[in-house]
């Protein structure tokens, strides 16, 4: 298994995967080129994420996706572990924002994140269509935080 940093000029090649985790292309474009994209490969691509620096020493996972046929096999948590290792000397905190969905929140909590704060109406205010995950419409963005 290895982690590969994706060059800016190659990032759009992965849009079909990124859109699984963030359903609106113009929302992805807001952070895609100001962040670093990392791919976890094990023979082939298993998982992908984009990490941005929101302020000095404060980073955020903006998009985290595991290739559908490899989900629930530990690749997402392995990628997060590698991201934490690579950023621990650069900063103090790592955030991730997600919908208020128990399974997703549990995943991030098992990766060492704790609930931080909520941005009310984030999904309804920023997306041009209703976003659903596990049959639930997303309204508020739940932020989780992990010390680096």
Protein backbone atom coordinates (compact mmCIF):
# COMPACT_ATOMS: atom_id res chain seq x y z
CA UNK A 1 0.00 0.00 0.00
CA UNK A 2 1.22 3.49 -0.79
CA UNK A 3 -0.02 7.07 -0.65
CA UNK A 4 0.45 9.18 -3.77
CA UNK A 5 0.05 12.96 -3.96
CA UNK A 6 -1.91 13.88 -7.09
CA UNK A 7 -0.61 16.80 -9.16
CA UNK A 8 -2.96 19.75 -9.76
CA UNK A 9 -3.17 19.07 -13.49
CA UNK A 10 -4.38 15.49 -12.78
CA UNK A 11 -7.04 16.26 -10.16
CA UNK A 12 -9.99 16.54 -12.55
CA UNK A 13 -9.34 12.96 -13.71
CA UNK A 14 -10.84 11.88 -10.39
CA UNK A 15 -14.03 13.96 -10.54
CA UNK A 16 -16.21 10.83 -10.98
CA UNK A 17 -14.97 9.61 -7.59
CA UNK A 18 -15.01 12.99 -5.84
CA UNK A 19 -18.65 13.50 -6.80
CA UNK A 20 -19.57 10.41 -4.77
CA UNK A 21 -18.59 12.24 -1.58
CA UNK A 22 -19.62 15.73 -2.68
CA UNK A 23 -22.47 15.73 -5.18
CA UNK A 24 -22.01 19.13 -6.77
CA UNK A 25 -19.07 19.92 -9.04
CA UNK A 26 -19.01 23.66 -8.34
CA UNK A 27 -18.69 22.89 -4.61
CA UNK A 28 -15.73 20.57 -5.31
CA UNK A 29 -14.12 23.25 -7.47
CA UNK A 30 -14.14 25.65 -4.50
CA UNK A 31 -11.49 23.57 -2.71
CA UNK A 32 -9.95 21.24 -5.30
CA UNK A 33 -7.06 23.45 -6.40
CA UNK A 34 -6.36 25.05 -3.04
CA UNK A 35 -5.90 21.65 -1.43
CA UNK A 36 -3.67 18.62 -1.69
CA UNK A 37 -5.15 15.46 -3.16
CA UNK A 38 -3.93 12.09 -1.93
CA UNK A 39 -4.65 8.64 -3.31
CA UNK A 40 -4.24 5.37 -1.45
CA UNK A 41 -3.15 2.68 -3.88
CA UNK A 42 -2.83 -1.04 -3.32
CA UNK A 43 -2.26 -2.41 -6.82
CA UNK A 44 -4.96 0.02 -7.96
CA UNK A 45 -6.73 3.09 -6.54
CA UNK A 46 -8.62 2.33 -3.32
CA UNK A 47 -9.37 5.72 -1.71
CA UNK A 48 -8.92 9.42 -2.33
CA UNK A 49 -9.09 12.62 -0.28
CA UNK A 50 -8.51 16.36 -0.56
CA UNK A 51 -6.98 18.25 2.37
CA UNK A 52 -6.95 22.05 2.63
CA UNK A 53 -5.23 24.43 5.02
CA UNK A 54 -8.02 26.62 6.43
CA UNK A 55 -5.73 28.77 8.56
CA UNK A 56 -2.13 28.33 9.70
CA UNK A 57 -1.82 24.89 11.28
CA UNK A 58 -5.50 24.01 10.80
CA UNK A 59 -6.33 21.50 8.08
CA UNK A 60 -9.58 20.07 6.80
CA UNK A 61 -10.44 16.92 4.90
CA UNK A 62 -12.79 18.37 2.28
CA UNK A 63 -13.50 15.22 0.33
CA UNK A 64 -12.95 11.62 1.39
CA UNK A 65 -14.06 8.77 -0.83
CA UNK A 66 -13.32 5.08 -1.11
CA UNK A 67 -13.79 3.44 -4.50
CA UNK A 68 -17.20 1.74 -4.15
CA UNK A 69 -16.04 -1.86 -4.62
CA UNK A 70 -13.41 -1.38 -1.88
CA UNK A 71 -15.65 0.24 0.74
CA UNK A 72 -15.78 -1.30 4.23
CA UNK A 73 -12.36 -2.92 3.82
CA UNK A 74 -10.35 -0.45 5.92
CA UNK A 75 -8.93 1.68 3.10
CA UNK A 76 -10.63 4.90 4.22
CA UNK A 77 -9.35 4.63 7.77
CA UNK A 78 -5.88 3.73 6.48
CA UNK A 79 -5.86 6.85 4.29
CA UNK A 80 -6.93 9.03 7.23
CA UNK A 81 -4.17 7.51 9.37
CA UNK A 82 -1.61 8.36 6.68
CA UNK A 83 -2.97 11.91 6.36
CA UNK A 84 -2.68 12.41 10.12
CA UNK A 85 0.90 11.12 10.05
CA UNK A 86 1.89 13.39 7.17
CA UNK A 87 0.31 16.55 8.69
CA UNK A 88 1.24 16.10 12.36
CA UNK A 89 4.47 18.07 11.96
CA UNK A 90 2.74 20.82 9.95
CA UNK A 91 -0.21 21.67 12.13
CA UNK A 92 -2.23 21.25 15.27
CA UNK A 93 -5.76 20.28 14.18
CA UNK A 94 -7.48 18.31 11.43
CA UNK A 95 -11.19 18.80 10.78
CA UNK A 96 -13.71 17.00 8.66
CA UNK A 97 -17.24 18.16 7.87
CA UNK A 98 -20.02 15.73 7.05
CA UNK A 99 -23.74 15.24 7.16
CA UNK A 100 -25.54 14.27 10.35
CA UNK A 101 -25.59 10.55 9.49
CA UNK A 102 -24.84 8.04 12.27
CA UNK A 103 -22.77 5.64 10.16
CA UNK A 104 -20.53 8.36 8.75
CA UNK A 105 -20.09 10.07 12.12
CA UNK A 106 -19.21 6.72 13.69
CA UNK A 107 -16.58 6.10 10.98
CA UNK A 108 -14.82 9.40 11.71
CA UNK A 109 -15.09 8.87 15.46
CA UNK A 110 -13.40 5.47 15.12
CA UNK A 111 -10.62 7.32 13.26
CA UNK A 112 -9.99 9.49 16.31
CA UNK A 113 -12.19 12.50 15.53
CA UNK A 114 -14.48 14.14 18.09
CA UNK A 115 -17.50 16.30 17.38
CA UNK A 116 -16.56 19.96 17.25
CA UNK A 117 -19.39 22.15 15.97
CA UNK A 118 -22.33 22.38 13.57
CA UNK A 119 -22.94 24.74 10.66
CA UNK A 120 -26.71 25.07 10.47
CA UNK A 121 -28.38 24.68 7.07
CA UNK A 122 -25.06 24.18 5.26
CA UNK A 123 -26.41 21.66 2.75
CA UNK A 124 -29.71 23.42 2.12
CA UNK A 125 -28.01 26.82 1.75
CA UNK A 126 -25.09 25.74 -0.47
CA UNK A 127 -26.38 23.02 -2.79
CA UNK A 128 -28.79 23.45 -5.67
CA UNK A 129 -30.60 20.20 -4.86
CA UNK A 130 -31.46 18.15 -1.79
CA UNK A 131 -28.61 15.89 -0.68
CA UNK A 132 -29.45 12.49 0.81
CA UNK A 133 -27.25 9.99 2.60
CA UNK A 134 -28.55 6.69 3.95
CA UNK A 135 -32.07 7.87 3.09
CA UNK A 136 -31.80 11.03 5.21
CA UNK A 137 -31.81 14.55 3.79
CA UNK A 138 -28.70 16.43 4.88
CA UNK A 139 -29.33 19.88 6.33
CA UNK A 140 -26.60 20.77 8.83
CA UNK A 141 -22.85 20.17 8.45
CA UNK A 142 -21.36 18.40 11.45
CA UNK A 143 -17.68 19.15 12.00
CA UNK A 144 -15.39 16.74 13.74
CA UNK A 145 -11.88 17.52 14.95
CA UNK A 146 -8.76 15.53 15.63
CA UNK A 147 -5.57 16.82 17.19
CA UNK A 148 -2.53 16.21 15.03
